C-alpha atoms as a PDB file:
ATOM      1  CA  MET A   1     -38.215 -69.568 -30.651  1.00  0.00           C
ATOM      2  CA  SER A   2     -40.954 -71.825 -29.286  1.00  0.00           C
ATOM      3  CA  THR A   3     -41.074 -73.091 -25.713  1.00  0.00           C
ATOM      4  CA  THR A   4     -40.939 -76.638 -26.988  1.00  0.00           C
ATOM      5  CA  PHE A   5     -37.864 -75.999 -28.929  1.00  0.00           C
ATOM      6  CA  LEU A   6     -36.126 -74.284 -26.003  1.00  0.00           C
ATOM      7  CA  ILE A   7     -37.089 -77.331 -23.722  1.00  0.00           C
ATOM      8  CA  GLU A   8     -35.643 -79.770 -26.339  1.00  0.00           C
ATOM      9  CA  ILE A   9     -32.502 -77.798 -26.397  1.00  0.00           C
ATOM     10  CA  LEU A  10     -32.325 -77.840 -22.513  1.00  0.00           C
ATOM     11  CA  GLY A  11     -32.765 -81.675 -22.863  1.00  0.00           C
ATOM     12  CA  PHE A  12     -29.938 -82.030 -25.323  1.00  0.00           C
ATOM     13  CA  VAL A  13     -27.569 -80.058 -23.149  1.00  0.00           C
ATOM     14  CA  ALA A  14     -28.419 -82.193 -19.973  1.00  0.00           C
ATOM     15  CA  ALA A  15     -28.184 -85.344 -22.151  1.00  0.00           C
ATOM     16  CA  ILE A  16     -24.795 -84.447 -23.519  1.00  0.00           C
ATOM     17  CA  LEU A  17     -23.455 -83.764 -20.022  1.00  0.00           C
ATOM     18  CA  THR A  18     -24.819 -86.803 -18.352  1.00  0.00           C
ATOM     19  CA  THR A  19     -23.969 -89.061 -21.180  1.00  0.00           C
ATOM     20  CA  LEU A  20     -20.311 -87.857 -21.444  1.00  0.00           C
ATOM     21  CA  SER A  21     -19.912 -88.246 -17.754  1.00  0.00           C
ATOM     22  CA  PHE A  22     -19.226 -91.992 -18.352  1.00  0.00           C
ATOM     23  CA  LEU A  23     -16.372 -91.136 -20.897  1.00  0.00           C
ATOM     24  CA  PRO A  24     -13.620 -90.570 -18.218  1.00  0.00           C
ATOM     25  CA  GLN A  25     -14.241 -94.010 -16.703  1.00  0.00           C
ATOM     26  CA  ALA A  26     -14.262 -95.702 -20.127  1.00  0.00           C
ATOM     27  CA  LEU A  27     -11.070 -93.887 -21.081  1.00  0.00           C
ATOM     28  CA  ARG A  28      -9.447 -94.883 -17.762  1.00  0.00           C
ATOM     29  CA  ILE A  29     -10.255 -98.502 -18.198  1.00  0.00           C
ATOM     30  CA  ARG A  30      -8.802 -98.399 -21.737  1.00  0.00           C
ATOM     31  CA  ARG A  31      -5.649 -96.588 -20.601  1.00  0.00           C
ATOM     32  CA  GLN A  32      -5.058 -98.861 -17.558  1.00  0.00           C
ATOM     33  CA  ARG A  33      -6.292-102.040 -19.288  1.00  0.00           C
ATOM     34  CA  SER A  34      -8.139-102.942 -16.118  1.00  0.00           C
ATOM     35  CA  ALA A  35     -11.621-102.718 -14.867  1.00  0.00           C
ATOM     36  CA  ALA A  36     -10.983-103.873 -11.421  1.00  0.00           C
ATOM     37  CA  ASP A  37     -12.189-100.733  -9.635  1.00  0.00           C
ATOM     38  CA  VAL A  38     -15.539-100.725 -11.535  1.00  0.00           C
ATOM     39  CA  SER A  39     -18.700-101.713  -9.730  1.00  0.00           C
ATOM     40  CA  LEU A  40     -20.557-104.346 -11.690  1.00  0.00           C
ATOM     41  CA  VAL A  41     -23.857-103.767  -9.851  1.00  0.00           C
ATOM     42  CA  MET A  42     -23.717 -99.930 -10.443  1.00  0.00           C
ATOM     43  CA  TYR A  43     -23.224-100.368 -14.189  1.00  0.00           C
ATOM     44  CA  LEU A  44     -25.901-103.085 -14.526  1.00  0.00           C
ATOM     45  CA  MET A  45     -28.326-100.714 -12.728  1.00  0.00           C
ATOM     46  CA  MET A  46     -27.301 -97.819 -14.997  1.00  0.00           C
ATOM     47  CA  LEU A  47     -27.738 -99.931 -18.128  1.00  0.00           C
ATOM     48  CA  THR A  48     -31.173-100.988 -17.040  1.00  0.00           C
ATOM     49  CA  GLY A  49     -32.183 -97.387 -16.201  1.00  0.00           C
ATOM     50  CA  GLN A  50     -30.805 -96.124 -19.569  1.00  0.00           C
ATOM     51  CA  ALA A  51     -32.709 -98.812 -21.408  1.00  0.00           C
ATOM     52  CA  LEU A  52     -35.830 -97.784 -19.683  1.00  0.00           C
ATOM     53  CA  TRP A  53     -35.240 -94.090 -20.439  1.00  0.00           C
ATOM     54  CA  LEU A  54     -34.716 -94.987 -24.053  1.00  0.00           C
ATOM     55  CA  ILE A  55     -38.048 -96.629 -24.191  1.00  0.00           C
ATOM     56  CA  TYR A  56     -39.620 -93.651 -22.485  1.00  0.00           C
ATOM     57  CA  GLY A  57     -37.926 -91.363 -25.032  1.00  0.00           C
ATOM     58  CA  VAL A  58     -39.262 -93.488 -27.865  1.00  0.00           C
ATOM     59  CA  LEU A  59     -42.778 -93.419 -26.557  1.00  0.00           C
ATOM     60  CA  PHE A  60     -42.755 -89.682 -26.145  1.00  0.00           C
ATOM     61  CA  ASP A  61     -40.749 -89.101 -29.322  1.00  0.00           C
ATOM     62  CA  SER A  62     -38.116 -87.207 -27.584  1.00  0.00           C
ATOM     63  CA  PRO A  63     -34.907 -86.813 -29.715  1.00  0.00           C
ATOM     64  CA  SER A  64     -32.784 -85.744 -26.804  1.00  0.00           C
ATOM     65  CA  LEU A  65     -33.801 -88.732 -24.625  1.00  0.00           C
ATOM     66  CA  ILE A  66     -33.371 -91.130 -27.575  1.00  0.00           C
ATOM     67  CA  ALA A  67     -29.900 -89.803 -28.538  1.00  0.00           C
ATOM     68  CA  ALA A  68     -28.585 -89.537 -25.011  1.00  0.00           C
ATOM     69  CA  ASN A  69     -29.513 -93.074 -24.038  1.00  0.00           C
ATOM     70  CA  VAL A  70     -28.405 -94.690 -27.261  1.00  0.00           C
ATOM     71  CA  VAL A  71     -24.949 -93.171 -26.692  1.00  0.00           C
ATOM     72  CA  GLY A  72     -25.090 -93.759 -23.010  1.00  0.00           C
ATOM     73  CA  ILE A  73     -25.977 -97.509 -23.455  1.00  0.00           C
ATOM     74  CA  SER A  74     -23.065 -97.827 -25.735  1.00  0.00           C
ATOM     75  CA  LEU A  75     -20.663 -96.364 -23.185  1.00  0.00           C
ATOM     76  CA  VAL A  76     -22.011 -98.200 -20.250  1.00  0.00           C
ATOM     77  CA  GLY A  77     -22.206-101.417 -22.305  1.00  0.00           C
ATOM     78  CA  TRP A  78     -18.520-101.027 -23.193  1.00  0.00           C
ATOM     79  CA  VAL A  79     -17.610-100.532 -19.558  1.00  0.00           C
ATOM     80  CA  LEU A  80     -19.631-103.639 -18.624  1.00  0.00           C
ATOM     81  CA  VAL A  81     -17.992-105.790 -21.328  1.00  0.00           C
ATOM     82  CA  MET A  82     -14.628-104.723 -19.965  1.00  0.00           C
ATOM     83  CA  LYS A  83     -15.686-105.481 -16.316  1.00  0.00           C
ATOM     84  CA  LEU A  84     -16.915-108.969 -17.284  1.00  0.00           C
ATOM     85  CA  ALA A  85     -13.859-109.620 -19.257  1.00  0.00           C
ATOM     86  CA  HIS A  86     -11.770-108.708 -16.088  1.00  0.00           C
ATOM     87  CA  LEU A  87     -13.903-110.971 -13.942  1.00  0.00           C
ATOM     88  CA  ARG A  88     -13.543-113.860 -16.288  1.00  0.00           C
ATOM     89  CA  GLN A  89      -9.658-113.311 -16.365  1.00  0.00           C
ATOM     90  CA  GLN A  90      -9.581-113.234 -12.609  1.00  0.00           C
ATOM     91  CA  ARG A  91     -11.484-116.474 -12.303  1.00  0.00           C
ATOM     92  CA  ARG A  92      -9.138-118.162 -14.815  1.00  0.00           C
ATOM     93  CA  MET A  93      -6.170-117.025 -12.872  1.00  0.00           C
ATOM     94  CA  MET A  94      -7.640-118.246  -9.552  1.00  0.00           C
ATOM     95  CA  ALA A  95      -8.436-121.610 -11.208  1.00  0.00           C
ATOM     96  CA  ALA A  96      -4.815-121.914 -12.359  1.00  0.00           C
ATOM     97  CA  ALA A  97      -3.386-121.059  -8.915  1.00  0.00           C
ATOM     98  CA  PRO A  98      -2.382-123.731  -6.386  1.00  0.00           C
ATOM     99  CA  VAL A  99      -5.282-124.735  -4.123  1.00  0.00           C
ATOM    100  CA  GLY A 100      -3.742-123.099  -1.042  1.00  0.00           C
ATOM    101  CA  LEU A 101      -3.501-119.721  -2.773  1.00  0.00           C
ATOM    102  CA  GLN A 102      -6.966-119.504  -4.137  1.00  0.00           C
ATOM    103  CA  ARG A 103      -9.373-116.747  -2.883  1.00  0.00           C
ATOM    104  CA  PRO A 104     -12.900-116.477  -3.865  1.00  0.00           C
ATOM    105  CA  VAL A 105     -13.664-113.724  -6.439  1.00  0.00           C
ATOM    106  CA  ALA A 106     -16.448-111.377  -5.518  1.00  0.00           C
ATOM    107  CA  ALA A 107     -18.765-110.179  -8.452  1.00  0.00           C
ATOM    108  CA  GLU A 108     -19.519-106.857  -6.387  1.00  0.00           C
END
């Protein structure tokens, strides 16, 4: 086996592990039907970083980087959609609450 092939295999193993690390959070959100405990800023930063890694992988023609970041962007994107939906629902609920009971909703 060539060194390049072994390096690419190493990249795929690392990509699988880091990409799938978002799966427990996504499943928890789905199971609990709430994204209240999710940090919006963290996931926005992660999405931006993965998009940059995807561009890097395309520029260097690295299948492991491309595959990992396409899947990762999908998972992180789904979590972000759920978080934004949660924030929208919170704001609607606060708008419907009597004036004395309203609290500002932080975007994290």
